[in-house]
Amino acid sequence: MRVSPSACRVFAGAEESRVEAQTLTALIASARANGATVSRDDLINACWDDRVVSDDAATRTIAKVRALAKGITPPPRPKPD
């Protein structure tokens, strides 16, 4: 996956998606965590610069990041019997 923060675009293989700034910031914060869990508060601080934000707005942004990640994550391999 490649991101272009200045253009608010995410590239995965041949696919390109335009995303909102908060979604891109949340995606980058998640990637920087290298697999560790990023708290909701940390994402809110990263995406909205400590401004008051509704739970609904944060939930929508997190859902968008998950949808992006799901689109680029290969399906799990079946376990051999």
Protein backbone atom coordinates (compact mmCIF):
# COMPACT_ATOMS: atom_id res chain seq x y z
CA MET A 1 0.00 0.00 0.00
CA ARG A 2 1.15 3.49 -0.81
CA VAL A 3 -0.34 6.73 0.45
CA SER A 4 -0.18 10.23 -0.93
CA PRO A 5 -1.04 12.49 2.02
CA SER A 6 -0.98 15.70 -0.02
CA ALA A 7 -3.52 14.26 -2.49
CA CYS A 8 -5.48 12.28 0.16
CA ARG A 9 -5.11 9.14 -1.95
CA VAL A 10 -4.37 5.53 -1.08
CA PHE A 11 -2.96 3.12 -3.66
CA ALA A 12 -3.18 -0.66 -3.28
CA GLY A 13 -1.97 -2.55 -6.32
CA ALA A 14 -3.87 -1.21 -9.31
CA GLU A 15 -6.58 0.33 -7.13
CA GLU A 16 -6.65 3.97 -6.08
CA SER A 17 -8.94 5.48 -3.45
CA ARG A 18 -9.50 9.09 -2.47
CA VAL A 19 -10.01 9.38 1.28
CA GLU A 20 -10.82 12.13 3.76
CA ALA A 21 -7.94 13.74 5.62
CA GLN A 22 -9.00 12.27 8.98
CA THR A 23 -9.25 8.79 7.48
CA LEU A 24 -5.78 9.09 5.97
CA THR A 25 -4.34 10.41 9.23
CA ALA A 26 -5.93 7.51 11.15
CA LEU A 27 -4.56 5.04 8.60
CA ILE A 28 -1.05 6.48 8.95
CA ALA A 29 -1.28 6.45 12.77
CA SER A 30 -2.34 2.80 12.64
CA ALA A 31 0.50 1.91 10.29
CA ARG A 32 3.05 3.64 12.52
CA ALA A 33 1.91 1.47 15.43
CA ASN A 34 3.41 -1.57 13.64
CA GLY A 35 0.58 -3.91 14.58
CA ALA A 36 0.05 -2.58 18.09
CA THR A 37 -3.41 -1.43 19.12
CA VAL A 38 -3.97 2.31 18.78
CA SER A 39 -6.40 3.66 21.35
CA ARG A 40 -9.47 5.59 20.30
CA ASP A 41 -8.17 8.62 22.24
CA ASP A 42 -4.82 8.47 20.42
CA LEU A 43 -6.61 8.36 17.06
CA ILE A 44 -8.83 11.28 18.02
CA ASN A 45 -5.78 13.28 19.11
CA ALA A 46 -3.96 12.44 15.87
CA CYS A 47 -6.90 13.12 13.57
CA TRP A 48 -8.60 16.08 15.19
CA ASP A 49 -5.77 17.82 17.07
CA ASP A 50 -7.43 17.54 20.50
CA ARG A 51 -10.66 19.15 19.25
CA VAL A 52 -13.90 17.86 20.68
CA VAL A 53 -15.31 15.23 18.33
CA SER A 54 -18.39 13.04 18.60
CA ASP A 55 -18.09 9.32 19.14
CA ASP A 56 -20.03 8.86 15.91
CA ALA A 57 -17.44 10.79 13.87
CA ALA A 58 -14.60 8.77 15.39
CA THR A 59 -16.46 5.50 14.79
CA ARG A 60 -17.10 6.39 11.13
CA THR A 61 -13.42 7.22 10.59
CA ILE A 62 -12.28 3.98 12.23
CA ALA A 63 -14.75 2.03 10.07
CA LYS A 64 -13.33 3.65 6.94
CA VAL A 65 -9.77 2.70 7.96
CA ARG A 66 -10.88 -0.88 8.60
CA ALA A 67 -12.57 -1.01 5.19
CA LEU A 68 -9.38 0.21 3.51
CA ALA A 69 -7.31 -2.34 5.41
CA LYS A 70 -9.74 -5.14 4.60
CA GLY A 71 -9.50 -4.29 0.93
CA ILE A 72 -5.72 -4.73 0.92
CA THR A 73 -5.31 -7.58 3.37
CA PRO A 74 -4.96 -10.92 1.65
CA PRO A 75 -7.45 -13.54 2.79
CA PRO A 76 -6.13 -15.96 5.42
CA ARG A 77 -4.54 -19.12 4.12
CA PRO A 78 -6.38 -22.33 4.88
CA LYS A 79 -4.64 -24.44 7.50
CA PRO A 80 -3.40 -27.79 6.27
CA ASP A 81 -5.20 -30.81 7.69
